[in-house]
C-alpha atoms as a PDB file:
ATOM      1  CA  MET A   1      11.399  32.452 -55.736  1.00  0.00           C
ATOM      2  CA  LYS A   2      11.260  35.708 -57.646  1.00  0.00           C
ATOM      3  CA  TYR A   3      13.391  35.849 -60.782  1.00  0.00           C
ATOM      4  CA  LEU A   4      14.506  38.648 -63.043  1.00  0.00           C
ATOM      5  CA  VAL A   5      15.057  37.175 -66.494  1.00  0.00           C
ATOM      6  CA  THR A   6      16.601  39.622 -68.932  1.00  0.00           C
ATOM      7  CA  GLY A   7      16.109  39.076 -72.648  1.00  0.00           C
ATOM      8  CA  THR A   8      12.638  37.521 -72.382  1.00  0.00           C
ATOM      9  CA  ALA A   9      11.607  38.739 -75.832  1.00  0.00           C
ATOM     10  CA  GLY A  10      14.644  36.821 -77.079  1.00  0.00           C
ATOM     11  CA  PHE A  11      15.084  33.164 -77.921  1.00  0.00           C
ATOM     12  CA  ILE A  12      16.603  31.663 -74.767  1.00  0.00           C
ATOM     13  CA  GLY A  13      15.089  34.101 -72.269  1.00  0.00           C
ATOM     14  CA  PHE A  14      11.600  33.399 -73.606  1.00  0.00           C
ATOM     15  CA  HIS A  15      11.986  29.664 -73.009  1.00  0.00           C
ATOM     16  CA  VAL A  16      13.593  30.134 -69.570  1.00  0.00           C
ATOM     17  CA  ALA A  17      10.747  32.359 -68.375  1.00  0.00           C
ATOM     18  CA  LYS A  18       8.162  29.797 -69.508  1.00  0.00           C
ATOM     19  CA  LYS A  19       9.931  26.965 -67.696  1.00  0.00           C
ATOM     20  CA  LEU A  20      10.248  28.961 -64.466  1.00  0.00           C
ATOM     21  CA  LEU A  21       6.553  29.793 -64.564  1.00  0.00           C
ATOM     22  CA  ASP A  22       5.673  26.149 -65.236  1.00  0.00           C
ATOM     23  CA  ARG A  23       7.347  25.141 -62.005  1.00  0.00           C
ATOM     24  CA  GLY A  24       5.641  27.894 -59.991  1.00  0.00           C
ATOM     25  CA  ASP A  25       8.237  30.657 -59.731  1.00  0.00           C
ATOM     26  CA  GLU A  26       7.483  34.350 -60.141  1.00  0.00           C
ATOM     27  CA  VAL A  27       9.170  36.019 -63.107  1.00  0.00           C
ATOM     28  CA  VAL A  28       9.756  39.595 -64.141  1.00  0.00           C
ATOM     29  CA  GLY A  29      10.888  39.606 -67.754  1.00  0.00           C
ATOM     30  CA  LEU A  30      12.953  42.448 -69.167  1.00  0.00           C
ATOM     31  CA  ASP A  31      13.876  43.287 -72.750  1.00  0.00           C
ATOM     32  CA  ILE A  32      14.783  46.376 -74.754  1.00  0.00           C
ATOM     33  CA  ILE A  33      13.032  44.918 -77.867  1.00  0.00           C
ATOM     34  CA  ASN A  34      15.603  46.203 -80.373  1.00  0.00           C
ATOM     35  CA  ASP A  35      15.487  45.617 -84.126  1.00  0.00           C
ATOM     36  CA  TYR A  36      18.610  43.454 -84.513  1.00  0.00           C
ATOM     37  CA  TYR A  37      16.267  40.913 -86.123  1.00  0.00           C
ATOM     38  CA  ASP A  38      12.556  40.721 -86.942  1.00  0.00           C
ATOM     39  CA  ILE A  39      10.871  42.631 -84.152  1.00  0.00           C
ATOM     40  CA  ASN A  40       7.557  40.913 -84.920  1.00  0.00           C
ATOM     41  CA  LEU A  41       9.021  37.608 -83.776  1.00  0.00           C
ATOM     42  CA  LYS A  42       9.949  39.215 -80.457  1.00  0.00           C
ATOM     43  CA  TYR A  43       6.465  40.616 -80.016  1.00  0.00           C
ATOM     44  CA  ALA A  44       4.991  37.219 -80.927  1.00  0.00           C
ATOM     45  CA  ARG A  45       7.009  35.569 -78.160  1.00  0.00           C
ATOM     46  CA  LEU A  46       5.700  38.137 -75.699  1.00  0.00           C
ATOM     47  CA  GLU A  47       2.127  37.742 -76.976  1.00  0.00           C
ATOM     48  CA  SER A  48       2.357  34.001 -76.313  1.00  0.00           C
ATOM     49  CA  MET A  49       3.259  34.900 -72.717  1.00  0.00           C
ATOM     50  CA  GLY A  50       0.203  37.112 -72.364  1.00  0.00           C
ATOM     51  CA  ILE A  51       1.984  40.429 -72.887  1.00  0.00           C
ATOM     52  CA  SER A  52       0.088  42.474 -75.450  1.00  0.00           C
ATOM     53  CA  LYS A  53       2.177  44.724 -77.669  1.00  0.00           C
ATOM     54  CA  ASP A  54      -0.360  47.517 -77.231  1.00  0.00           C
ATOM     55  CA  LEU A  55       0.145  47.556 -73.453  1.00  0.00           C
ATOM     56  CA  ILE A  56       3.949  47.742 -73.503  1.00  0.00           C
ATOM     57  CA  GLU A  57       5.204  51.097 -72.269  1.00  0.00           C
ATOM     58  CA  LYS A  58       8.910  51.738 -71.723  1.00  0.00           C
ATOM     59  CA  GLY A  59       9.839  51.477 -68.066  1.00  0.00           C
ATOM     60  CA  LYS A  60       6.411  50.266 -66.957  1.00  0.00           C
ATOM     61  CA  VAL A  61       6.034  46.816 -65.413  1.00  0.00           C
ATOM     62  CA  ILE A  62       2.913  45.164 -66.861  1.00  0.00           C
ATOM     63  CA  SER A  63       1.318  41.901 -65.785  1.00  0.00           C
ATOM     64  CA  SER A  64       0.597  39.017 -68.122  1.00  0.00           C
ATOM     65  CA  GLN A  65      -2.994  38.723 -69.272  1.00  0.00           C
ATOM     66  CA  SER A  66      -2.839  34.924 -69.238  1.00  0.00           C
ATOM     67  CA  LEU A  67       0.096  33.660 -67.142  1.00  0.00           C
ATOM     68  CA  GLU A  68      -0.050  34.032 -63.393  1.00  0.00           C
ATOM     69  CA  GLY A  69       3.223  35.199 -61.887  1.00  0.00           C
ATOM     70  CA  TYR A  70       4.637  36.771 -65.049  1.00  0.00           C
ATOM     71  CA  SER A  71       5.186  40.445 -65.705  1.00  0.00           C
ATOM     72  CA  PHE A  72       7.268  42.320 -68.246  1.00  0.00           C
ATOM     73  CA  VAL A  73       9.121  45.598 -68.517  1.00  0.00           C
ATOM     74  CA  GLN A  74      10.693  47.170 -71.596  1.00  0.00           C
ATOM     75  CA  LEU A  75      13.956  48.616 -70.354  1.00  0.00           C
ATOM     76  CA  ASP A  76      17.422  49.454 -71.647  1.00  0.00           C
ATOM     77  CA  LEU A  77      19.972  47.842 -69.329  1.00  0.00           C
ATOM     78  CA  ALA A  78      22.325  50.700 -70.119  1.00  0.00           C
ATOM     79  CA  ASP A  79      19.888  52.968 -68.218  1.00  0.00           C
ATOM     80  CA  LYS A  80      21.424  52.483 -64.789  1.00  0.00           C
ATOM     81  CA  ASP A  81      18.953  54.648 -62.876  1.00  0.00           C
ATOM     82  CA  ALA A  82      15.885  52.889 -64.285  1.00  0.00           C
ATOM     83  CA  LEU A  83      17.431  49.468 -63.674  1.00  0.00           C
ATOM     84  CA  SER A  84      18.345  50.382 -60.089  1.00  0.00           C
ATOM     85  CA  GLN A  85      14.787  51.494 -59.440  1.00  0.00           C
ATOM     86  CA  LEU A  86      13.461  48.204 -60.810  1.00  0.00           C
ATOM     87  CA  PHE A  87      15.719  46.226 -58.457  1.00  0.00           C
ATOM     88  CA  GLN A  88      14.661  48.339 -55.483  1.00  0.00           C
ATOM     89  CA  ASP A  89      10.978  47.962 -56.300  1.00  0.00           C
ATOM     90  CA  GLN A  90      10.954  44.240 -57.115  1.00  0.00           C
ATOM     91  CA  MET A  91      13.517  42.719 -54.693  1.00  0.00           C
ATOM     92  CA  PHE A  92      14.612  39.758 -56.817  1.00  0.00           C
ATOM     93  CA  ASP A  93      15.870  36.502 -55.341  1.00  0.00           C
ATOM     94  CA  VAL A  94      17.735  35.378 -58.470  1.00  0.00           C
ATOM     95  CA  VAL A  95      18.821  37.131 -61.658  1.00  0.00           C
ATOM     96  CA  VAL A  96      19.165  35.194 -64.915  1.00  0.00           C
ATOM     97  CA  HIS A  97      20.868  37.620 -67.271  1.00  0.00           C
ATOM     98  CA  LEU A  98      20.419  36.498 -70.876  1.00  0.00           C
ATOM     99  CA  ALA A  99      20.016  39.842 -72.639  1.00  0.00           C
ATOM    100  CA  ALA A 100      22.952  40.707 -74.916  1.00  0.00           C
ATOM    101  CA  GLN A 101      23.848  41.787 -78.389  1.00  0.00           C
ATOM    102  CA  ALA A 102      24.404  38.460 -80.103  1.00  0.00           C
ATOM    103  CA  GLY A 103      26.119  37.544 -83.347  1.00  0.00           C
ATOM    104  CA  VAL A 104      29.791  37.027 -84.173  1.00  0.00           C
ATOM    105  CA  ARG A 105      29.644  38.554 -87.666  1.00  0.00           C
ATOM    106  CA  HIS A 106      27.577  41.542 -86.578  1.00  0.00           C
ATOM    107  CA  SER A 107      30.330  42.410 -84.103  1.00  0.00           C
ATOM    108  CA  LEU A 108      32.750  42.923 -86.995  1.00  0.00           C
ATOM    109  CA  THR A 109      30.685  45.799 -88.360  1.00  0.00           C
ATOM    110  CA  HIS A 110      28.945  47.207 -85.270  1.00  0.00           C
ATOM    111  CA  PRO A 111      31.526  46.933 -82.462  1.00  0.00           C
ATOM    112  CA  GLU A 112      30.198  49.834 -80.388  1.00  0.00           C
ATOM    113  CA  VAL A 113      26.860  48.057 -79.876  1.00  0.00           C
ATOM    114  CA  TYR A 114      28.649  45.194 -78.118  1.00  0.00           C
ATOM    115  CA  ILE A 115      30.353  47.511 -75.656  1.00  0.00           C
ATOM    116  CA  GLN A 116      27.062  49.197 -74.790  1.00  0.00           C
ATOM    117  CA  SER A 117      24.847  46.095 -74.669  1.00  0.00           C
ATOM    118  CA  ASN A 118      27.272  43.461 -73.383  1.00  0.00           C
ATOM    119  CA  ILE A 119      29.684  45.325 -71.129  1.00  0.00           C
ATOM    120  CA  ILE A 120      28.078  48.529 -69.850  1.00  0.00           C
ATOM    121  CA  ALA A 121      24.743  46.734 -69.409  1.00  0.00           C
ATOM    122  CA  PHE A 122      26.428  43.890 -67.534  1.00  0.00           C
ATOM    123  CA  LEU A 123      28.224  46.343 -65.257  1.00  0.00           C
ATOM    124  CA  ASN A 124      24.837  47.828 -64.384  1.00  0.00           C
ATOM    125  CA  ILE A 125      23.466  44.361 -63.587  1.00  0.00           C
ATOM    126  CA  LEU A 126      26.444  43.694 -61.301  1.00  0.00           C
ATOM    127  CA  GLU A 127      26.032  47.030 -59.541  1.00  0.00           C
ATOM    128  CA  CYS A 128      22.339  46.364 -58.976  1.00  0.00           C
ATOM    129  CA  CYS A 129      23.126  42.939 -57.526  1.00  0.00           C
ATOM    130  CA  ARG A 130      25.727  44.582 -55.304  1.00  0.00           C
ATOM    131  CA  PHE A 131      23.370  47.154 -53.814  1.00  0.00           C
ATOM    132  CA  ASN A 132      20.254  44.950 -53.898  1.00  0.00           C
ATOM    133  CA  PRO A 133      21.702  41.585 -52.811  1.00  0.00           C
ATOM    134  CA  VAL A 134      20.483  38.483 -54.651  1.00  0.00           C
ATOM    135  CA  LYS A 135      20.992  34.816 -53.874  1.00  0.00           C
ATOM    136  CA  HIS A 136      22.524  34.120 -57.289  1.00  0.00           C
ATOM    137  CA  LEU A 137      23.400  35.876 -60.535  1.00  0.00           C
ATOM    138  CA  VAL A 138      23.439  33.534 -63.531  1.00  0.00           C
ATOM    139  CA  TYR A 139      24.526  35.038 -66.834  1.00  0.00           C
ATOM    140  CA  ALA A 140      25.023  33.953 -70.428  1.00  0.00           C
ATOM    141  CA  SER A 141      28.550  33.572 -71.676  1.00  0.00           C
ATOM    142  CA  SER A 142      29.345  31.774 -74.935  1.00  0.00           C
ATOM    143  CA  SER A 143      31.402  28.984 -76.460  1.00  0.00           C
ATOM    144  CA  SER A 144      32.847  31.766 -78.621  1.00  0.00           C
ATOM    145  CA  VAL A 145      35.217  32.627 -75.760  1.00  0.00           C
ATOM    146  CA  TYR A 146      37.339  29.589 -76.712  1.00  0.00           C
ATOM    147  CA  GLY A 147      38.364  31.526 -79.814  1.00  0.00           C
ATOM    148  CA  ALA A 148      41.641  30.263 -81.257  1.00  0.00           C
ATOM    149  CA  ASN A 149      41.748  27.214 -78.938  1.00  0.00           C
ATOM    150  CA  GLU A 150      42.048  23.916 -80.781  1.00  0.00           C
ATOM    151  CA  LYS A 151      42.328  21.403 -77.917  1.00  0.00           C
ATOM    152  CA  MET A 152      39.076  19.450 -77.860  1.00  0.00           C
ATOM    153  CA  PRO A 153      36.790  19.170 -76.027  1.00  0.00           C
ATOM    154  CA  PHE A 154      36.717  22.739 -74.759  1.00  0.00           C
ATOM    155  CA  SER A 155      37.018  22.776 -70.962  1.00  0.00           C
ATOM    156  CA  THR A 156      36.260  25.554 -68.504  1.00  0.00           C
ATOM    157  CA  SER A 157      39.686  24.824 -67.057  1.00  0.00           C
ATOM    158  CA  ASP A 158      41.319  25.909 -70.341  1.00  0.00           C
ATOM    159  CA  SER A 159      42.721  29.369 -70.874  1.00  0.00           C
ATOM    160  CA  VAL A 160      40.442  31.532 -73.022  1.00  0.00           C
ATOM    161  CA  ASP A 161      42.771  34.435 -73.709  1.00  0.00           C
ATOM    162  CA  HIS A 162      42.590  34.373 -77.503  1.00  0.00           C
ATOM    163  CA  PRO A 163      39.109  35.518 -78.640  1.00  0.00           C
ATOM    164  CA  ILE A 164      38.708  36.057 -82.389  1.00  0.00           C
ATOM    165  CA  SER A 165      35.668  38.342 -82.388  1.00  0.00           C
ATOM    166  CA  LEU A 166      34.585  41.311 -80.298  1.00  0.00           C
ATOM    167  CA  TYR A 167      31.459  39.359 -79.369  1.00  0.00           C
ATOM    168  CA  ALA A 168      33.672  36.676 -77.805  1.00  0.00           C
ATOM    169  CA  ALA A 169      35.806  39.328 -76.108  1.00  0.00           C
ATOM    170  CA  SER A 170      32.701  40.920 -74.595  1.00  0.00           C
ATOM    171  CA  LYS A 171      31.611  37.577 -73.151  1.00  0.00           C
ATOM    172  CA  LYS A 172      35.077  36.896 -71.756  1.00  0.00           C
ATOM    173  CA  SER A 173      34.907  40.377 -70.213  1.00  0.00           C
ATOM    174  CA  ASN A 174      31.618  39.451 -68.528  1.00  0.00           C
ATOM    175  CA  GLU A 175      33.265  36.466 -66.872  1.00  0.00           C
ATOM    176  CA  LEU A 176      36.153  38.598 -65.584  1.00  0.00           C
ATOM    177  CA  MET A 177      33.777  41.280 -64.316  1.00  0.00           C
ATOM    178  CA  ALA A 178      31.634  38.664 -62.563  1.00  0.00           C
ATOM    179  CA  HIS A 179      34.666  37.191 -60.818  1.00  0.00           C
ATOM    180  CA  THR A 180      35.679  40.635 -59.603  1.00  0.00           C
ATOM    181  CA  TYR A 181      32.265  41.291 -58.068  1.00  0.00           C
ATOM    182  CA  SER A 182      32.139  37.808 -56.555  1.00  0.00           C
ATOM    183  CA  HIS A 183      35.542  38.447 -54.982  1.00  0.00           C
ATOM    184  CA  LEU A 184      34.900  41.990 -53.763  1.00  0.00           C
ATOM    185  CA  PHE A 185      31.244  41.784 -52.747  1.00  0.00           C
ATOM    186  CA  ASN A 186      30.623  38.049 -52.218  1.00  0.00           C
ATOM    187  CA  ILE A 187      27.962  37.899 -54.947  1.00  0.00           C
ATOM    188  CA  PRO A 188      27.456  34.283 -56.121  1.00  0.00           C
ATOM    189  CA  THR A 189      27.864  34.388 -59.915  1.00  0.00           C
ATOM    190  CA  THR A 190      27.744  31.611 -62.493  1.00  0.00           C
ATOM    191  CA  GLY A 191      28.566  32.056 -66.166  1.00  0.00           C
ATOM    192  CA  LEU A 192      27.172  29.655 -68.750  1.00  0.00           C
ATOM    193  CA  ARG A 193      29.006  29.058 -72.008  1.00  0.00           C
ATOM    194  CA  PHE A 194      26.270  28.041 -74.441  1.00  0.00           C
ATOM    195  CA  PHE A 195      27.153  25.923 -77.469  1.00  0.00           C
ATOM    196  CA  THR A 196      25.216  26.719 -80.697  1.00  0.00           C
ATOM    197  CA  VAL A 197      21.672  26.794 -79.369  1.00  0.00           C
ATOM    198  CA  TYR A 198      18.817  25.897 -81.736  1.00  0.00           C
ATOM    199  CA  GLY A 199      15.134  25.042 -81.599  1.00  0.00           C
ATOM    200  CA  PRO A 200      11.601  26.473 -81.959  1.00  0.00           C
ATOM    201  CA  TRP A 201      11.315  30.278 -81.739  1.00  0.00           C
ATOM    202  CA  GLY A 202      15.011  30.515 -82.640  1.00  0.00           C
ATOM    203  CA  ARG A 203      16.814  33.589 -83.918  1.00  0.00           C
ATOM    204  CA  PRO A 204      16.423  34.411 -87.643  1.00  0.00           C
ATOM    205  CA  ASP A 205      20.145  35.229 -87.980  1.00  0.00           C
ATOM    206  CA  MET A 206      21.244  31.704 -87.033  1.00  0.00           C
ATOM    207  CA  ALA A 207      22.082  28.928 -89.471  1.00  0.00           C
ATOM    208  CA  LEU A 208      19.054  26.695 -88.864  1.00  0.00           C
ATOM    209  CA  PHE A 209      16.612  29.547 -89.505  1.00  0.00           C
ATOM    210  CA  LEU A 210      18.533  30.755 -92.569  1.00  0.00           C
ATOM    211  CA  PHE A 211      18.823  27.236 -93.999  1.00  0.00           C
ATOM    212  CA  THR A 212      15.132  26.528 -93.531  1.00  0.00           C
ATOM    213  CA  GLU A 213      14.079  29.815 -95.092  1.00  0.00           C
ATOM    214  CA  ALA A 214      16.337  29.422 -98.127  1.00  0.00           C
ATOM    215  CA  ILE A 215      15.461  25.763 -98.768  1.00  0.00           C
ATOM    216  CA  LEU A 216      11.739  26.538 -98.731  1.00  0.00           C
ATOM    217  CA  LYS A 217      12.295  29.362-101.220  1.00  0.00           C
ATOM    218  CA  GLY A 218      14.421  27.164-103.468  1.00  0.00           C
ATOM    219  CA  GLU A 219      17.433  29.420-102.903  1.00  0.00           C
ATOM    220  CA  PRO A 220      20.983  28.214-102.227  1.00  0.00           C
ATOM    221  CA  ILE A 221      22.139  28.112 -98.610  1.00  0.00           C
ATOM    222  CA  LYS A 222      25.526  29.532 -97.657  1.00  0.00           C
ATOM    223  CA  VAL A 223      27.747  26.709 -96.427  1.00  0.00           C
ATOM    224  CA  PHE A 224      30.898  28.130 -94.871  1.00  0.00           C
ATOM    225  CA  ASN A 225      34.283  26.427 -94.696  1.00  0.00           C
ATOM    226  CA  TYR A 226      32.997  24.349 -97.628  1.00  0.00           C
ATOM    227  CA  GLY A 227      30.957  22.317 -95.162  1.00  0.00           C
ATOM    228  CA  GLU A 228      34.021  21.168 -93.227  1.00  0.00           C
ATOM    229  CA  MET A 229      32.763  22.433 -89.903  1.00  0.00           C
ATOM    230  CA  LYS A 230      31.659  20.725 -86.721  1.00  0.00           C
ATOM    231  CA  ARG A 231      29.380  22.296 -84.152  1.00  0.00           C
ATOM    232  CA  ASP A 232      28.221  21.136 -80.747  1.00  0.00           C
ATOM    233  CA  PHE A 233      24.585  21.951 -81.531  1.00  0.00           C
ATOM    234  CA  THR A 234      22.504  22.112 -78.346  1.00  0.00           C
ATOM    235  CA  TYR A 235      18.711  21.973 -78.278  1.00  0.00           C
ATOM    236  CA  ILE A 236      16.905  24.785 -76.494  1.00  0.00           C
ATOM    237  CA  ASP A 237      15.158  22.533 -73.939  1.00  0.00           C
ATOM    238  CA  ASP A 238      18.541  21.146 -72.885  1.00  0.00           C
ATOM    239  CA  ILE A 239      19.935  24.648 -72.493  1.00  0.00           C
ATOM    240  CA  VAL A 240      16.965  25.694 -70.359  1.00  0.00           C
ATOM    241  CA  GLU A 241      17.219  22.629 -68.134  1.00  0.00           C
ATOM    242  CA  GLY A 242      20.903  23.348 -67.613  1.00  0.00           C
ATOM    243  CA  ILE A 243      20.208  26.990 -66.750  1.00  0.00           C
ATOM    244  CA  LEU A 244      17.581  26.104 -64.159  1.00  0.00           C
ATOM    245  CA  ARG A 245      19.690  23.404 -62.531  1.00  0.00           C
ATOM    246  CA  VAL A 246      22.589  25.806 -62.210  1.00  0.00           C
ATOM    247  CA  ALA A 247      20.369  28.672 -61.025  1.00  0.00           C
ATOM    248  CA  ASP A 248      19.091  26.467 -58.203  1.00  0.00           C
ATOM    249  CA  ARG A 249      22.660  25.884 -57.056  1.00  0.00           C
ATOM    250  CA  PRO A 250      24.346  29.207 -56.169  1.00  0.00           C
ATOM    251  CA  ALA A 251      28.049  29.305 -56.894  1.00  0.00           C
ATOM    252  CA  GLN A 252      30.327  28.370 -54.008  1.00  0.00           C
ATOM    253  CA  PRO A 253      34.016  29.106 -53.417  1.00  0.00           C
ATOM    254  CA  ASN A 254      36.316  26.366 -54.667  1.00  0.00           C
ATOM    255  CA  THR A 255      37.923  25.123 -51.438  1.00  0.00           C
ATOM    256  CA  GLU A 256      40.620  23.367 -53.481  1.00  0.00           C
ATOM    257  CA  PHE A 257      41.496  26.424 -55.578  1.00  0.00           C
ATOM    258  CA  ASP A 258      45.259  26.619 -56.055  1.00  0.00           C
ATOM    259  CA  PRO A 259      46.531  30.182 -56.700  1.00  0.00           C
ATOM    260  CA  MET A 260      49.805  28.692 -57.919  1.00  0.00           C
ATOM    261  CA  ASN A 261      47.892  26.801 -60.605  1.00  0.00           C
ATOM    262  CA  PRO A 262      44.602  28.733 -60.910  1.00  0.00           C
ATOM    263  CA  ASP A 263      41.541  27.139 -62.462  1.00  0.00           C
ATOM    264  CA  PRO A 264      39.913  29.690 -64.827  1.00  0.00           C
ATOM    265  CA  GLY A 265      36.478  28.141 -64.268  1.00  0.00           C
ATOM    266  CA  SER A 266      36.293  28.675 -60.498  1.00  0.00           C
ATOM    267  CA  GLY A 267      37.963  30.600 -57.691  1.00  0.00           C
ATOM    268  CA  LYS A 268      38.266  31.387 -54.022  1.00  0.00           C
ATOM    269  CA  ALA A 269      35.215  33.597 -54.498  1.00  0.00           C
ATOM    270  CA  PRO A 270      31.664  32.244 -55.056  1.00  0.00           C
ATOM    271  CA  TYR A 271      32.274  32.134 -58.797  1.00  0.00           C
ATOM    272  CA  LYS A 272      31.808  29.377 -61.354  1.00  0.00           C
ATOM    273  CA  VAL A 273      31.681  28.882 -65.123  1.00  0.00           C
ATOM    274  CA  TYR A 274      30.029  25.926 -66.884  1.00  0.00           C
ATOM    275  CA  ASN A 275      29.773  24.736 -70.461  1.00  0.00           C
ATOM    276  CA  ILE A 276      26.278  23.766 -71.594  1.00  0.00           C
ATOM    277  CA  GLY A 277      26.540  21.741 -74.779  1.00  0.00           C
ATOM    278  CA  ASN A 278      25.484  18.409 -76.208  1.00  0.00           C
ATOM    279  CA  SER A 279      29.091  17.201 -76.083  1.00  0.00           C
ATOM    280  CA  ALA A 280      28.514  15.479 -79.435  1.00  0.00           C
ATOM    281  CA  PRO A 281      29.790  17.605 -82.348  1.00  0.00           C
ATOM    282  CA  VAL A 282      27.887  17.245 -85.617  1.00  0.00           C
ATOM    283  CA  LEU A 283      29.223  17.822 -89.119  1.00  0.00           C
ATOM    284  CA  LEU A 284      27.581  20.809 -90.758  1.00  0.00           C
ATOM    285  CA  MET A 285      26.607  18.634 -93.737  1.00  0.00           C
ATOM    286  CA  ASP A 286      24.802  16.212 -91.401  1.00  0.00           C
ATOM    287  CA  TYR A 287      22.981  19.155 -89.827  1.00  0.00           C
ATOM    288  CA  ILE A 288      21.878  20.257 -93.294  1.00  0.00           C
ATOM    289  CA  ARG A 289      20.649  16.748 -94.075  1.00  0.00           C
ATOM    290  CA  ALA A 290      18.521  16.854 -90.918  1.00  0.00           C
ATOM    291  CA  VAL A 291      16.968  20.114 -92.124  1.00  0.00           C
ATOM    292  CA  GLU A 292      16.299  18.571 -95.555  1.00  0.00           C
ATOM    293  CA  LYS A 293      14.613  15.615 -93.893  1.00  0.00           C
ATOM    294  CA  GLY A 294      12.506  17.853 -91.658  1.00  0.00           C
ATOM    295  CA  LEU A 295      11.278  19.867 -94.646  1.00  0.00           C
ATOM    296  CA  GLY A 296      11.141  17.051 -97.171  1.00  0.00           C
ATOM    297  CA  LYS A 297      13.131  19.197 -99.604  1.00  0.00           C
ATOM    298  CA  GLU A 298      16.692  19.103-100.887  1.00  0.00           C
ATOM    299  CA  ALA A 299      19.034  22.032-100.303  1.00  0.00           C
ATOM    300  CA  LYS A 300      20.964  23.891-102.964  1.00  0.00           C
ATOM    301  CA  MET A 301      24.374  24.858-101.620  1.00  0.00           C
ATOM    302  CA  ASP A 302      26.785  27.704-102.128  1.00  0.00           C
ATOM    303  CA  LEU A 303      30.115  26.489-100.711  1.00  0.00           C
ATOM    304  CA  LEU A 304      32.139  29.333 -99.193  1.00  0.00           C
ATOM    305  CA  PRO A 305      35.376  29.781 -97.183  1.00  0.00           C
ATOM    306  CA  LEU A 306      35.472  30.144 -93.407  1.00  0.00           C
ATOM    307  CA  GLN A 307      34.231  33.572 -92.322  1.00  0.00           C
ATOM    308  CA  PRO A 308      36.245  35.953 -90.103  1.00  0.00           C
ATOM    309  CA  GLY A 309      35.420  35.371 -86.446  1.00  0.00           C
ATOM    310  CA  ASP A 310      34.160  31.821 -87.018  1.00  0.00           C
ATOM    311  CA  VAL A 311      35.835  28.712 -85.620  1.00  0.00           C
ATOM    312  CA  PRO A 312      35.976  25.429 -87.566  1.00  0.00           C
ATOM    313  CA  ALA A 313      34.848  23.247 -84.668  1.00  0.00           C
ATOM    314  CA  SER A 314      33.353  23.305 -81.171  1.00  0.00           C
ATOM    315  CA  HIS A 315      33.001  20.550 -78.593  1.00  0.00           C
ATOM    316  CA  ALA A 316      31.860  21.039 -74.991  1.00  0.00           C
ATOM    317  CA  ASP A 317      33.377  19.264 -72.012  1.00  0.00           C
ATOM    318  CA  VAL A 318      30.413  19.090 -69.614  1.00  0.00           C
ATOM    319  CA  ASP A 319      31.923  16.847 -66.939  1.00  0.00           C
ATOM    320  CA  ASP A 320      31.638  19.487 -64.208  1.00  0.00           C
ATOM    321  CA  LEU A 321      28.013  20.221 -65.158  1.00  0.00           C
ATOM    322  CA  ILE A 322      27.224  16.510 -64.818  1.00  0.00           C
ATOM    323  CA  ARG A 323      29.162  16.237 -61.559  1.00  0.00           C
ATOM    324  CA  ASP A 324      27.563  19.268 -59.917  1.00  0.00           C
ATOM    325  CA  THR A 325      23.990  19.095 -61.230  1.00  0.00           C
ATOM    326  CA  GLY A 326      23.531  15.508 -62.414  1.00  0.00           C
ATOM    327  CA  TYR A 327      22.492  16.756 -65.834  1.00  0.00           C
ATOM    328  CA  LYS A 328      23.797  16.209 -69.354  1.00  0.00           C
ATOM    329  CA  PRO A 329      22.164  17.618 -72.515  1.00  0.00           C
ATOM    330  CA  ASP A 330      21.306  14.742 -74.858  1.00  0.00           C
ATOM    331  CA  THR A 331      18.659  15.708 -77.464  1.00  0.00           C
ATOM    332  CA  LYS A 332      19.481  14.065 -80.802  1.00  0.00           C
ATOM    333  CA  ILE A 333      20.054  16.432 -83.706  1.00  0.00           C
ATOM    334  CA  GLU A 334      17.352  14.803 -85.835  1.00  0.00           C
ATOM    335  CA  ASP A 335      14.739  15.285 -83.116  1.00  0.00           C
ATOM    336  CA  GLY A 336      15.719  18.859 -82.341  1.00  0.00           C
ATOM    337  CA  VAL A 337      15.842  19.970 -85.969  1.00  0.00           C
ATOM    338  CA  LYS A 338      12.482  18.309 -86.665  1.00  0.00           C
ATOM    339  CA  ALA A 339      10.950  20.219 -83.751  1.00  0.00           C
ATOM    340  CA  PHE A 340      12.260  23.446 -85.257  1.00  0.00           C
ATOM    341  CA  THR A 341      11.101  22.780 -88.819  1.00  0.00           C
ATOM    342  CA  ASP A 342       7.650  21.778 -87.540  1.00  0.00           C
ATOM    343  CA  TRP A 343       7.456  25.021 -85.574  1.00  0.00           C
ATOM    344  CA  TYR A 344       8.669  27.086 -88.547  1.00  0.00           C
ATOM    345  CA  LEU A 345       6.116  25.613 -90.953  1.00  0.00           C
ATOM    346  CA  ASP A 346       3.332  26.200 -88.455  1.00  0.00           C
ATOM    347  CA  TYR A 347       4.386  29.706 -87.376  1.00  0.00           C
ATOM    348  CA  TYR A 348       4.876  31.016 -90.917  1.00  0.00           C
ATOM    349  CA  LYS A 349       1.988  28.949 -92.368  1.00  0.00           C
ATOM    350  CA  VAL A 350       4.189  27.385 -95.033  1.00  0.00           C
ATOM    351  CA  ASN A 351       3.367  24.292 -97.087  1.00  0.00           C
ATOM    352  CA  PRO A 352       6.739  22.797 -98.116  1.00  0.00           C
ATOM    353  CA  ASN A 353       5.086  20.960-101.011  1.00  0.00           C
ATOM    354  CA  GLU A 354       3.803  24.068-102.729  1.00  0.00           C
END
């Protein structure tokens, strides 16, 4: 199978591309390589995939120097003409769309970026799948879509009409757009609501990275909601396994869909939404203790109120993921955090005892 994986210089896309290649699939990776966070980390991910920074040329598909079956193109998904040409040239079987402008807090100060990167870009992906038919479009949504919901665990059958950040609203918009294209053009689409992904090669703007960096420097970490938060932290390998299992199973119409009592997570069209989470919420303070243990250093803490756009708790209902794919994420927080801290110390050549 030939896959387009967008966002392959990013955290999740990088890991997905590697896993697809490991099992023998062909992958074309795409990324704009923007400077939302340390661009050197993005280039390092690509270098590890055999894509030399010096060879990257915007719009040009280049082959990996070390991984058979992998090629990469730097492309802005908002460039509809260039994206259409790529689809025509490459003839993808499956699209795994993971590229997006991430970050809840960033969306409070840079809203226009989210419209361009998360909505216009997604429309272009849908249009390309419409005119260059694919077997399946899988795309990243987010647990952020649950917004003001408080009924736990969060289920894909719940209404998600109360987002509390533009980032969440953009992801909810993606789901609605996907359903429309599934309905009108019979494109199988599956949205994946990821729950607080963490692990090696993670994003520097996320809590685990920020905590690790501050603890090693002896600086206080920012602990929001005074530590009274719970998150359904999900290890990157579990996320990737869930993505691949879903990608291998194109969305089907729900033959039991009741328009008098519509299920938001499915439809008469070949459309489906899944949660991918550990389904085991962890207290933020316990998460911090796992980081302390991984580094062998104690954290200094600056206790702060809940930030705008944040939710106090998340908890994924993954029953339909288990039912349909036979898979449930289950990496323990201690193991996942240790894998991250080991990677961090090695990547940045840090001795925690110095």
